[in-house]
């Protein structure tokens, strides 16, 4: 079973962190932010780049902390 990694904050640092985690297939990524639509859009962009970049990690953007349940690792990049 693949690891679940949460990245809290979907600004430049969070999005880049999520991208690198997915590209290296370290685990499936949950990208969390408080701003509606931002993590969902970034998550979708990253997920849709998978066939081109050659990785199969799942990337999900969310505003709901419940989606981070049972994460194996949490990376906090949010500044606020």
C-alpha atoms as a PDB file:
ATOM      1  CA  UNK A   1       0.000   0.000   0.000  1.00  0.00           C
ATOM      2  CA  UNK A   2       1.290   3.435  -0.936  1.00  0.00           C
ATOM      3  CA  UNK A   3       2.012   6.050   1.733  1.00  0.00           C
ATOM      4  CA  UNK A   4      -0.326   9.023   2.176  1.00  0.00           C
ATOM      5  CA  UNK A   5       1.447  12.363   2.446  1.00  0.00           C
ATOM      6  CA  UNK A   6      -0.344  15.585   3.342  1.00  0.00           C
ATOM      7  CA  UNK A   7       1.014  18.971   2.289  1.00  0.00           C
ATOM      8  CA  UNK A   8      -0.610  21.799   4.216  1.00  0.00           C
ATOM      9  CA  UNK A   9      -0.459  25.023   2.231  1.00  0.00           C
ATOM     10  CA  UNK A  10      -0.804  25.199  -1.538  1.00  0.00           C
ATOM     11  CA  UNK A  11       1.208  28.317  -2.254  1.00  0.00           C
ATOM     12  CA  UNK A  12       4.449  28.172  -4.234  1.00  0.00           C
ATOM     13  CA  UNK A  13       6.321  26.107  -1.653  1.00  0.00           C
ATOM     14  CA  UNK A  14       3.410  23.737  -0.993  1.00  0.00           C
ATOM     15  CA  UNK A  15       2.637  23.191  -4.666  1.00  0.00           C
ATOM     16  CA  UNK A  16       6.300  22.563  -5.455  1.00  0.00           C
ATOM     17  CA  UNK A  17       6.614  20.180  -2.517  1.00  0.00           C
ATOM     18  CA  UNK A  18       3.522  18.264  -3.638  1.00  0.00           C
ATOM     19  CA  UNK A  19       4.878  18.126  -7.179  1.00  0.00           C
ATOM     20  CA  UNK A  20       8.240  16.685  -6.111  1.00  0.00           C
ATOM     21  CA  UNK A  21       6.609  14.124  -3.801  1.00  0.00           C
ATOM     22  CA  UNK A  22       4.339  12.949  -6.617  1.00  0.00           C
ATOM     23  CA  UNK A  23       7.104  12.907  -9.256  1.00  0.00           C
ATOM     24  CA  UNK A  24       9.356  10.800  -7.018  1.00  0.00           C
ATOM     25  CA  UNK A  25       6.382   8.533  -6.211  1.00  0.00           C
ATOM     26  CA  UNK A  26       7.039   8.838  -2.486  1.00  0.00           C
ATOM     27  CA  UNK A  27       3.302   8.469  -1.865  1.00  0.00           C
ATOM     28  CA  UNK A  28      -0.122   9.754  -2.755  1.00  0.00           C
ATOM     29  CA  UNK A  29      -0.503  13.453  -1.984  1.00  0.00           C
ATOM     30  CA  UNK A  30      -3.278  15.376  -0.258  1.00  0.00           C
ATOM     31  CA  UNK A  31      -2.801  19.108  -0.821  1.00  0.00           C
ATOM     32  CA  UNK A  32      -4.704  21.143   1.791  1.00  0.00           C
ATOM     33  CA  UNK A  33      -5.407  24.863   1.945  1.00  0.00           C
ATOM     34  CA  UNK A  34      -8.051  27.139   3.466  1.00  0.00           C
ATOM     35  CA  UNK A  35      -8.687  29.029   0.220  1.00  0.00           C
ATOM     36  CA  UNK A  36     -11.541  27.460  -1.767  1.00  0.00           C
ATOM     37  CA  UNK A  37     -10.592  26.083  -5.172  1.00  0.00           C
ATOM     38  CA  UNK A  38      -6.839  26.673  -5.027  1.00  0.00           C
ATOM     39  CA  UNK A  39      -5.687  23.253  -3.762  1.00  0.00           C
ATOM     40  CA  UNK A  40      -8.243  21.487  -5.961  1.00  0.00           C
ATOM     41  CA  UNK A  41      -6.950  23.276  -9.067  1.00  0.00           C
ATOM     42  CA  UNK A  42      -3.298  22.692  -8.265  1.00  0.00           C
ATOM     43  CA  UNK A  43      -3.978  19.064  -7.373  1.00  0.00           C
ATOM     44  CA  UNK A  44      -5.782  18.521 -10.668  1.00  0.00           C
ATOM     45  CA  UNK A  45      -2.965  20.172 -12.633  1.00  0.00           C
ATOM     46  CA  UNK A  46      -0.386  17.951 -10.942  1.00  0.00           C
ATOM     47  CA  UNK A  47      -2.473  14.810 -11.402  1.00  0.00           C
ATOM     48  CA  UNK A  48      -3.030  15.552 -15.094  1.00  0.00           C
ATOM     49  CA  UNK A  49       0.715  15.974 -15.623  1.00  0.00           C
ATOM     50  CA  UNK A  50       1.329  12.392 -14.426  1.00  0.00           C
ATOM     51  CA  UNK A  51       1.169  10.709 -17.865  1.00  0.00           C
ATOM     52  CA  UNK A  52       3.549  13.271 -19.365  1.00  0.00           C
ATOM     53  CA  UNK A  53       5.997  13.217 -16.440  1.00  0.00           C
ATOM     54  CA  UNK A  54       5.778   9.451 -15.963  1.00  0.00           C
ATOM     55  CA  UNK A  55       4.509   9.039 -12.398  1.00  0.00           C
ATOM     56  CA  UNK A  56       1.385   7.381 -11.048  1.00  0.00           C
ATOM     57  CA  UNK A  57       0.961   9.026  -7.641  1.00  0.00           C
ATOM     58  CA  UNK A  58      -2.532  10.284  -6.872  1.00  0.00           C
ATOM     59  CA  UNK A  59      -2.803  14.001  -6.067  1.00  0.00           C
ATOM     60  CA  UNK A  60      -5.905  15.408  -4.398  1.00  0.00           C
ATOM     61  CA  UNK A  61      -6.568  19.025  -3.447  1.00  0.00           C
ATOM     62  CA  UNK A  62      -8.933  19.783  -0.586  1.00  0.00           C
ATOM     63  CA  UNK A  63     -10.123  22.330   1.959  1.00  0.00           C
ATOM     64  CA  UNK A  64     -11.248  19.640   4.398  1.00  0.00           C
ATOM     65  CA  UNK A  65      -8.895  18.438   7.146  1.00  0.00           C
ATOM     66  CA  UNK A  66     -10.845  15.149   7.283  1.00  0.00           C
ATOM     67  CA  UNK A  67      -9.216  14.180   3.960  1.00  0.00           C
ATOM     68  CA  UNK A  68      -5.833  14.132   5.712  1.00  0.00           C
ATOM     69  CA  UNK A  69      -6.909  11.386   8.125  1.00  0.00           C
ATOM     70  CA  UNK A  70      -4.440   8.489   8.408  1.00  0.00           C
ATOM     71  CA  UNK A  71      -1.637  10.361   6.656  1.00  0.00           C
ATOM     72  CA  UNK A  72       1.774   8.807   7.114  1.00  0.00           C
ATOM     73  CA  UNK A  73       3.489  12.192   6.896  1.00  0.00           C
ATOM     74  CA  UNK A  74       2.425  15.846   7.056  1.00  0.00           C
ATOM     75  CA  UNK A  75       4.486  18.682   5.589  1.00  0.00           C
ATOM     76  CA  UNK A  76       3.431  22.134   6.781  1.00  0.00           C
ATOM     77  CA  UNK A  77       4.334  24.918   4.364  1.00  0.00           C
ATOM     78  CA  UNK A  78       1.545  27.358   5.215  1.00  0.00           C
ATOM     79  CA  UNK A  79       2.688  30.653   6.657  1.00  0.00           C
ATOM     80  CA  UNK A  80      -0.623  31.834   8.107  1.00  0.00           C
END
